[in-house]
């Protein structure tokens, strides 16, 4: 029987009186908002940060006994994002009109994924909507954290490479030609290293244009092909060949797998549906392909989950062994939660190590480029000095 949401006038009056205090708990300072905002241009759907805030606030309000309609009122009034305010208002009107929450989310197009819709549906049917919203908030928090971890690892190398290219281009375009004119006037034979550098300097503008063209081409290919199977297969395979990065990326997506399976197991979702939902939300090609095969083995061949996972190298033996244990003791959500916490700790530790290794490595690389140019330019000067002394 469809649940009817009743609106208690006394509750509305009580929350209107306490609204400033309630909303203060959810407000961020302008500085915090600036540093926690995700940049997403021309977007018609929510980003992970907005979804984290929405589900966390909704779960907190519902867990304190607030009526669903009042909770949406508070979230709508507190948010300054026009898209979010409009969507929350639309969801609220659907609920007043008799729709369930998941039905309202389902009618929002691409704003909400099938994973979210099914999770909310499970929460409503089991009376655990507040808990499911907490879990979804935690999930999107991990998505935001993942993006920040990737940016944290990638930002320093990108900045150093950019500076290196700028420094080398400046020296090739402005410094080397000055020295080459001086060397030509002397009429002496130049070292092979210096001649090579002067020849490269003559084509510095062409080289820079080629570099910029490659960067822009790569960016547009990524934007246009990022959802194509061939591109996802190629990029994920390329990342898995990088010795230092591959373990970190693998653990990041395994942590997301464990967190998703924990929530779905706790909601008593059957295994084959859980595998479908998790594969759609992971967004990592090797795990998606593996889970499709695992589902086939579980459904059509009657194998246990741990047996099917063990046939794919992307899943470590320790994870498979602990999932086998969870199936034996019938406490999968406990095991998945421990695995998620363990992977999260390992990710933080490994990210810190990689950050410490990358910094001196790229300083050395930058030093080699600059040192090569300086040596090539000063070799003829040293020869001139030694000749004059002789």
Protein backbone atom coordinates (compact mmCIF):
# COMPACT_ATOMS: atom_id res chain seq x y z
CA UNK A 1 0.00 0.00 0.00
CA UNK A 2 1.38 3.41 -0.96
CA UNK A 3 2.62 5.46 1.96
CA UNK A 4 0.87 8.82 2.45
CA UNK A 5 2.98 11.68 3.80
CA UNK A 6 0.98 13.76 6.28
CA UNK A 7 1.86 17.37 7.03
CA UNK A 8 1.52 18.42 10.65
CA UNK A 9 0.92 22.21 10.98
CA UNK A 10 2.30 22.30 14.50
CA UNK A 11 5.53 20.70 13.25
CA UNK A 12 5.82 23.32 10.53
CA UNK A 13 5.40 26.15 13.04
CA UNK A 14 7.92 24.58 15.39
CA UNK A 15 10.54 24.21 12.62
CA UNK A 16 9.88 27.68 11.28
CA UNK A 17 10.73 29.07 14.73
CA UNK A 18 13.88 26.97 14.97
CA UNK A 19 14.77 27.28 11.27
CA UNK A 20 17.69 29.73 11.71
CA UNK A 21 19.35 27.43 14.25
CA UNK A 22 18.72 24.35 12.11
CA UNK A 23 19.98 25.95 8.95
CA UNK A 24 23.09 27.31 10.65
CA UNK A 25 24.21 23.74 11.28
CA UNK A 26 24.24 23.07 7.57
CA UNK A 27 25.72 26.35 6.35
CA UNK A 28 29.30 26.66 5.21
CA UNK A 29 31.25 29.86 5.36
CA UNK A 30 31.92 31.57 2.06
CA UNK A 31 35.60 30.60 2.28
CA UNK A 32 34.74 26.92 2.90
CA UNK A 33 32.33 26.93 -0.03
CA UNK A 34 35.03 28.41 -2.26
CA UNK A 35 37.51 25.66 -1.46
CA UNK A 36 34.98 22.79 -1.49
CA UNK A 37 33.24 23.76 -4.74
CA UNK A 38 33.60 21.53 -7.76
CA UNK A 39 34.07 23.35 -11.06
CA UNK A 40 31.62 21.99 -13.61
CA UNK A 41 30.77 24.15 -16.62
CA UNK A 42 27.58 23.91 -18.67
CA UNK A 43 26.15 21.19 -16.38
CA UNK A 44 22.46 20.30 -16.22
CA UNK A 45 22.82 17.76 -13.41
CA UNK A 46 24.21 17.65 -9.90
CA UNK A 47 27.86 17.08 -9.20
CA UNK A 48 29.06 14.72 -6.48
CA UNK A 49 29.55 17.54 -3.95
CA UNK A 50 25.96 18.74 -4.31
CA UNK A 51 24.61 15.21 -4.03
CA UNK A 52 26.69 14.59 -0.92
CA UNK A 53 25.19 17.68 0.73
CA UNK A 54 21.64 16.81 -0.39
CA UNK A 55 21.65 13.22 0.86
CA UNK A 56 23.56 14.00 4.06
CA UNK A 57 21.18 16.81 5.04
CA UNK A 58 18.09 14.79 4.12
CA UNK A 59 19.33 11.77 6.07
CA UNK A 60 20.17 13.88 9.13
CA UNK A 61 16.78 15.62 9.14
CA UNK A 62 14.83 12.38 8.65
CA UNK A 63 16.79 10.63 11.40
CA UNK A 64 15.75 13.34 13.88
CA UNK A 65 12.09 12.66 13.16
CA UNK A 66 11.42 15.57 10.82
CA UNK A 67 8.58 15.07 8.34
CA UNK A 68 9.82 14.46 4.79
CA UNK A 69 8.06 17.50 3.37
CA UNK A 70 9.48 19.77 6.09
CA UNK A 71 12.97 18.32 5.53
CA UNK A 72 12.76 19.19 1.84
CA UNK A 73 11.48 22.68 2.77
CA UNK A 74 14.55 23.24 4.94
CA UNK A 75 16.94 21.94 2.26
CA UNK A 76 15.29 24.03 -0.45
CA UNK A 77 15.39 27.22 1.63
CA UNK A 78 18.97 26.69 2.78
CA UNK A 79 20.50 26.02 -0.64
CA UNK A 80 21.55 28.84 -2.95
CA UNK A 81 22.15 26.66 -5.99
CA UNK A 82 19.28 27.40 -8.40
CA UNK A 83 19.32 23.96 -10.00
CA UNK A 84 19.22 22.19 -6.64
CA UNK A 85 16.48 24.47 -5.28
CA UNK A 86 14.35 23.89 -8.37
CA UNK A 87 14.83 20.12 -8.24
CA UNK A 88 14.08 19.87 -4.50
CA UNK A 89 10.94 21.98 -4.99
CA UNK A 90 9.85 19.69 -7.83
CA UNK A 91 10.47 16.56 -5.71
CA UNK A 92 8.45 18.10 -2.88
CA UNK A 93 5.50 18.80 -5.20
CA UNK A 94 5.61 15.22 -6.50
CA UNK A 95 5.48 13.87 -2.93
CA UNK A 96 2.57 16.14 -2.03
CA UNK A 97 0.87 14.80 -5.16
CA UNK A 98 1.19 11.22 -3.85
CA UNK A 99 4.40 9.97 -5.44
CA UNK A 100 7.08 8.04 -3.60
CA UNK A 101 10.53 9.62 -3.34
CA UNK A 102 12.18 7.16 -5.73
CA UNK A 103 9.40 7.76 -8.29
CA UNK A 104 10.09 11.48 -8.13
CA UNK A 105 13.84 10.92 -8.55
CA UNK A 106 13.10 8.64 -11.49
CA UNK A 107 11.36 11.48 -13.29
CA UNK A 108 14.34 13.83 -13.06
CA UNK A 109 16.08 12.47 -16.18
CA UNK A 110 19.86 12.08 -15.85
CA UNK A 111 20.10 14.05 -12.60
CA UNK A 112 19.87 10.87 -10.52
CA UNK A 113 21.43 7.53 -11.44
CA UNK A 114 19.74 4.14 -11.33
CA UNK A 115 21.92 3.32 -8.33
CA UNK A 116 20.48 6.21 -6.33
CA UNK A 117 16.90 5.52 -7.41
CA UNK A 118 17.09 1.83 -6.49
CA UNK A 119 18.79 2.62 -3.18
CA UNK A 120 16.08 5.15 -2.22
CA UNK A 121 13.40 2.67 -3.28
CA UNK A 122 14.93 0.03 -1.02
CA UNK A 123 15.10 2.56 1.82
CA UNK A 124 11.42 3.44 1.46
CA UNK A 125 10.27 -0.17 1.21
CA UNK A 126 12.29 -1.24 4.27
CA UNK A 127 11.61 1.88 6.36
CA UNK A 128 15.33 2.78 6.30
CA UNK A 129 15.19 5.89 4.11
CA UNK A 130 17.20 7.99 6.58
CA UNK A 131 19.92 5.32 6.81
CA UNK A 132 20.04 4.94 3.02
CA UNK A 133 20.39 8.71 2.60
CA UNK A 134 23.27 8.65 5.10
CA UNK A 135 24.92 5.89 3.07
CA UNK A 136 24.42 7.76 -0.20
CA UNK A 137 25.88 10.88 1.38
CA UNK A 138 28.87 8.82 2.51
CA UNK A 139 29.19 7.30 -0.95
CA UNK A 140 29.28 10.66 -2.73
CA UNK A 141 31.68 11.91 -0.09
CA UNK A 142 34.02 9.11 -1.15
CA UNK A 143 33.51 10.12 -4.82
CA UNK A 144 34.51 13.70 -3.97
CA UNK A 145 37.44 12.40 -1.96
CA UNK A 146 38.48 10.23 -4.91
CA UNK A 147 38.52 13.23 -7.25
CA UNK A 148 40.54 15.23 -4.74
CA UNK A 149 43.00 12.37 -4.32
CA UNK A 150 43.48 12.11 -8.08
CA UNK A 151 43.87 15.88 -8.35
CA UNK A 152 46.25 15.87 -5.38
CA UNK A 153 48.49 13.31 -7.06
CA UNK A 154 48.23 14.85 -10.55
CA UNK A 155 48.40 18.58 -9.75
CA UNK A 156 52.07 18.79 -8.80
CA UNK A 157 53.40 16.90 -11.87
CA UNK A 158 51.16 18.94 -14.18
CA UNK A 159 52.36 22.23 -12.67
CA UNK A 160 56.02 21.20 -12.82
CA UNK A 161 55.70 19.96 -16.42
CA UNK A 162 53.99 23.21 -17.41
CA UNK A 163 56.73 25.28 -15.78
CA UNK A 164 59.43 23.12 -17.35
CA UNK A 165 57.96 23.57 -20.83
CA UNK A 166 57.67 27.35 -20.30
CA UNK A 167 61.24 27.68 -18.98
CA UNK A 168 62.73 25.54 -21.75
CA UNK A 169 60.73 27.39 -24.42
CA UNK A 170 61.87 30.76 -23.06
CA UNK A 171 65.51 29.70 -23.05
CA UNK A 172 65.30 28.19 -26.55
CA UNK A 173 63.47 31.20 -28.00
CA UNK A 174 65.30 34.09 -26.31
CA UNK A 175 68.48 32.97 -24.55
CA UNK A 176 69.97 30.47 -27.02
CA UNK A 177 69.68 32.80 -30.08
CA UNK A 178 71.67 35.51 -28.26
CA UNK A 179 74.49 33.07 -27.48
CA UNK A 180 74.40 31.58 -31.01
CA UNK A 181 74.95 35.03 -32.56
CA UNK A 182 77.99 35.54 -30.33
CA UNK A 183 79.39 32.10 -31.23
CA UNK A 184 78.90 32.68 -34.97
CA UNK A 185 80.82 35.96 -34.79
CA UNK A 186 83.84 34.17 -33.30
CA UNK A 187 84.03 31.91 -36.36
CA UNK A 188 85.16 28.95 -34.26
CA UNK A 189 83.92 25.41 -34.66
CA UNK A 190 81.21 24.70 -32.07
CA UNK A 191 80.74 21.47 -30.08
CA UNK A 192 78.17 19.01 -31.44
CA UNK A 193 75.98 19.50 -28.35
CA UNK A 194 75.83 23.26 -28.91
CA UNK A 195 75.06 22.86 -32.63
CA UNK A 196 72.23 20.46 -31.78
CA UNK A 197 70.74 22.94 -29.30
CA UNK A 198 70.98 25.85 -31.77
CA UNK A 199 69.18 23.75 -34.41
CA UNK A 200 66.44 22.87 -31.91
CA UNK A 201 66.15 26.55 -30.97
CA UNK A 202 65.45 27.46 -34.60
CA UNK A 203 62.33 25.26 -34.49
CA UNK A 204 61.23 26.19 -30.95
CA UNK A 205 58.00 27.88 -32.10
CA UNK A 206 57.03 24.88 -34.24
CA UNK A 207 57.80 22.52 -31.37
CA UNK A 208 55.65 24.58 -28.99
CA UNK A 209 52.77 24.61 -31.48
CA UNK A 210 53.02 20.84 -31.80
CA UNK A 211 52.94 20.42 -28.01
CA UNK A 212 49.90 22.70 -27.70
CA UNK A 213 48.16 20.88 -30.57
CA UNK A 214 48.75 17.52 -28.91
CA UNK A 215 47.39 18.85 -25.59
CA UNK A 216 44.24 20.35 -27.15
CA UNK A 217 43.67 17.26 -29.30
CA UNK A 218 44.01 15.03 -26.26
CA UNK A 219 41.57 17.19 -24.31
CA UNK A 220 38.90 17.13 -27.04
CA UNK A 221 39.35 13.39 -27.64
CA UNK A 222 38.87 12.80 -23.92
CA UNK A 223 35.74 14.98 -23.81
CA UNK A 224 34.16 13.41 -26.88
CA UNK A 225 35.22 9.79 -26.39
CA UNK A 226 35.34 9.40 -22.59
CA UNK A 227 32.18 7.26 -22.54
CA UNK A 228 33.10 5.09 -25.53
CA UNK A 229 34.12 1.53 -24.76
CA UNK A 230 37.33 1.58 -26.82
CA UNK A 231 38.56 4.73 -25.08
CA UNK A 232 37.72 3.49 -21.58
CA UNK A 233 39.41 0.16 -22.31
CA UNK A 234 42.52 1.87 -23.69
CA UNK A 235 42.91 4.44 -20.88
CA UNK A 236 42.26 1.97 -18.05
CA UNK A 237 44.74 -0.48 -19.58
CA UNK A 238 47.31 2.31 -19.93
CA UNK A 239 46.92 3.32 -16.27
CA UNK A 240 47.31 -0.31 -15.15
CA UNK A 241 50.72 -0.40 -16.87
CA UNK A 242 52.13 2.48 -14.80
CA UNK A 243 54.00 0.79 -11.91
CA UNK A 244 53.46 3.37 -9.15
CA UNK A 245 49.97 4.55 -10.06
CA UNK A 246 48.27 1.24 -10.91
CA UNK A 247 48.08 -0.04 -7.32
CA UNK A 248 46.65 3.26 -6.09
CA UNK A 249 43.98 3.41 -8.81
CA UNK A 250 43.07 -0.22 -8.24
CA UNK A 251 42.60 0.31 -4.50
CA UNK A 252 40.54 3.45 -5.05
CA UNK A 253 37.99 1.59 -7.18
CA UNK A 254 38.03 -1.50 -4.95
CA UNK A 255 37.19 0.77 -2.02
CA UNK A 256 34.20 2.12 -3.97
CA UNK A 257 33.18 -1.45 -4.82
CA UNK A 258 33.27 -2.46 -1.16
CA UNK A 259 31.36 0.62 -0.02
CA UNK A 260 28.62 0.07 -2.61
CA UNK A 261 28.31 -3.64 -1.81
CA UNK A 262 28.15 -2.83 1.90
CA UNK A 263 25.14 -0.56 1.45
CA UNK A 264 23.31 -2.94 -0.88
CA UNK A 265 24.05 -5.96 1.32
CA UNK A 266 22.76 -4.10 4.36
CA UNK A 267 19.54 -3.36 2.45
CA UNK A 268 19.22 -7.09 1.59
CA UNK A 269 19.44 -6.58 -2.16
CA UNK A 270 20.01 -9.85 -4.02
CA UNK A 271 23.50 -10.43 -5.41
CA UNK A 272 22.74 -10.18 -9.14
CA UNK A 273 20.94 -6.83 -8.72
CA UNK A 274 23.76 -5.55 -6.51
CA UNK A 275 26.34 -6.44 -9.17
CA UNK A 276 24.37 -4.56 -11.83
CA UNK A 277 24.01 -1.44 -9.69
CA UNK A 278 27.64 -1.47 -8.56
CA UNK A 279 28.92 -1.95 -12.13
CA UNK A 280 26.91 1.08 -13.25
CA UNK A 281 28.26 3.26 -10.45
CA UNK A 282 31.92 2.22 -10.30
CA UNK A 283 32.77 3.82 -13.64
CA UNK A 284 35.94 1.75 -14.08
CA UNK A 285 36.10 -0.44 -17.17
CA UNK A 286 38.10 -3.47 -15.85
CA UNK A 287 35.76 -3.86 -12.85
CA UNK A 288 32.64 -3.39 -15.00
CA UNK A 289 33.75 -6.16 -17.39
CA UNK A 290 34.69 -8.43 -14.48
CA UNK A 291 31.36 -7.89 -12.69
CA UNK A 292 29.40 -8.67 -15.87
CA UNK A 293 31.15 -12.04 -16.07
CA UNK A 294 30.75 -12.59 -12.31
CA UNK A 295 27.00 -11.98 -12.56
CA UNK A 296 26.75 -14.47 -15.41
CA UNK A 297 28.51 -17.12 -13.33
CA UNK A 298 26.43 -16.43 -10.21
CA UNK A 299 23.07 -16.39 -12.00
CA UNK A 300 23.47 -19.01 -14.72
CA UNK A 301 26.12 -21.32 -13.29
CA UNK A 302 25.07 -21.15 -9.64
CA UNK A 303 28.54 -20.26 -8.35
CA UNK A 304 29.17 -18.34 -5.15
CA UNK A 305 30.30 -14.72 -5.39
CA UNK A 306 33.79 -15.41 -4.04
CA UNK A 307 34.33 -18.23 -6.58
CA UNK A 308 33.40 -15.96 -9.46
CA UNK A 309 35.50 -13.03 -8.22
CA UNK A 310 38.58 -15.26 -7.80
CA UNK A 311 38.75 -15.79 -11.59
CA UNK A 312 39.51 -12.09 -12.19
CA UNK A 313 42.93 -10.64 -11.36
CA UNK A 314 41.48 -7.19 -10.61
CA UNK A 315 40.15 -8.58 -7.30
CA UNK A 316 42.95 -9.41 -4.80
CA UNK A 317 43.06 -12.77 -3.05
CA UNK A 318 42.59 -11.15 0.36
CA UNK A 319 39.35 -9.49 -0.76
CA UNK A 320 38.08 -12.76 -2.23
CA UNK A 321 38.95 -14.66 0.96
CA UNK A 322 37.14 -12.17 3.18
CA UNK A 323 34.07 -12.23 0.92
CA UNK A 324 34.11 -16.02 1.19
CA UNK A 325 34.17 -15.64 4.98
CA UNK A 326 31.26 -13.19 4.85
CA UNK A 327 29.21 -15.69 2.85
CA UNK A 328 29.94 -18.40 5.40
CA UNK A 329 28.97 -16.31 8.45
CA UNK A 330 26.20 -14.40 6.57
CA UNK A 331 27.50 -10.94 7.54
CA UNK A 332 28.55 -9.41 4.24
CA UNK A 333 27.95 -5.77 5.22
CA UNK A 334 30.39 -6.09 8.17
CA UNK A 335 33.15 -7.52 5.97
CA UNK A 336 32.59 -4.97 3.22
CA UNK A 337 32.75 -2.12 5.72
CA UNK A 338 36.06 -3.40 7.12
CA UNK A 339 37.47 -3.80 3.62
CA UNK A 340 36.37 -0.28 2.71
CA UNK A 341 38.00 1.20 5.82
CA UNK A 342 41.19 -0.77 5.20
CA UNK A 343 41.42 0.30 1.55
CA UNK A 344 40.72 3.92 2.50
CA UNK A 345 43.60 3.90 4.99
CA UNK A 346 45.93 2.30 2.43
CA UNK A 347 44.93 4.86 -0.21
CA UNK A 348 45.74 7.78 2.10
CA UNK A 349 49.11 6.25 3.01
CA UNK A 350 50.04 5.40 -0.58
CA UNK A 351 48.97 8.82 -1.85
CA UNK A 352 51.25 10.49 0.70
CA UNK A 353 54.19 8.30 -0.38
CA UNK A 354 53.61 8.98 -4.09
CA UNK A 355 53.39 12.72 -3.38
CA UNK A 356 56.76 12.62 -1.61
CA UNK A 357 58.35 10.64 -4.44
CA UNK A 358 56.98 12.76 -7.27
CA UNK A 359 58.17 16.10 -5.90
CA UNK A 360 61.96 15.45 -5.98
CA UNK A 361 61.64 13.38 -9.16
CA UNK A 362 60.16 16.22 -11.19
CA UNK A 363 62.59 18.75 -9.70
CA UNK A 364 65.42 16.53 -10.95
CA UNK A 365 63.81 16.27 -14.41
CA UNK A 366 63.42 20.06 -14.61
CA UNK A 367 67.04 20.48 -13.48
CA UNK A 368 68.24 18.10 -16.20
CA UNK A 369 66.53 20.10 -18.96
CA UNK A 370 67.83 23.43 -17.71
CA UNK A 371 71.28 22.01 -16.99
CA UNK A 372 71.52 20.54 -20.49
CA UNK A 373 70.85 23.96 -22.06
CA UNK A 374 73.34 25.72 -19.78
CA UNK A 375 76.09 23.18 -20.43
CA UNK A 376 75.53 23.33 -24.19
CA UNK A 377 75.73 27.14 -24.14
CA UNK A 378 78.76 27.45 -21.86
CA UNK A 379 80.93 24.75 -23.50
CA UNK A 380 82.10 27.08 -26.32
CA UNK A 381 82.79 29.83 -23.78
CA UNK A 382 84.95 27.47 -21.74
CA UNK A 383 86.86 26.50 -24.91
CA UNK A 384 87.40 30.16 -25.77
CA UNK A 385 88.68 30.87 -22.27
CA UNK A 386 91.09 27.92 -22.30
CA UNK A 387 92.39 28.95 -25.76
CA UNK A 388 93.01 32.53 -24.69
CA UNK A 389 95.00 31.34 -21.68
CA UNK A 390 97.11 29.05 -23.84
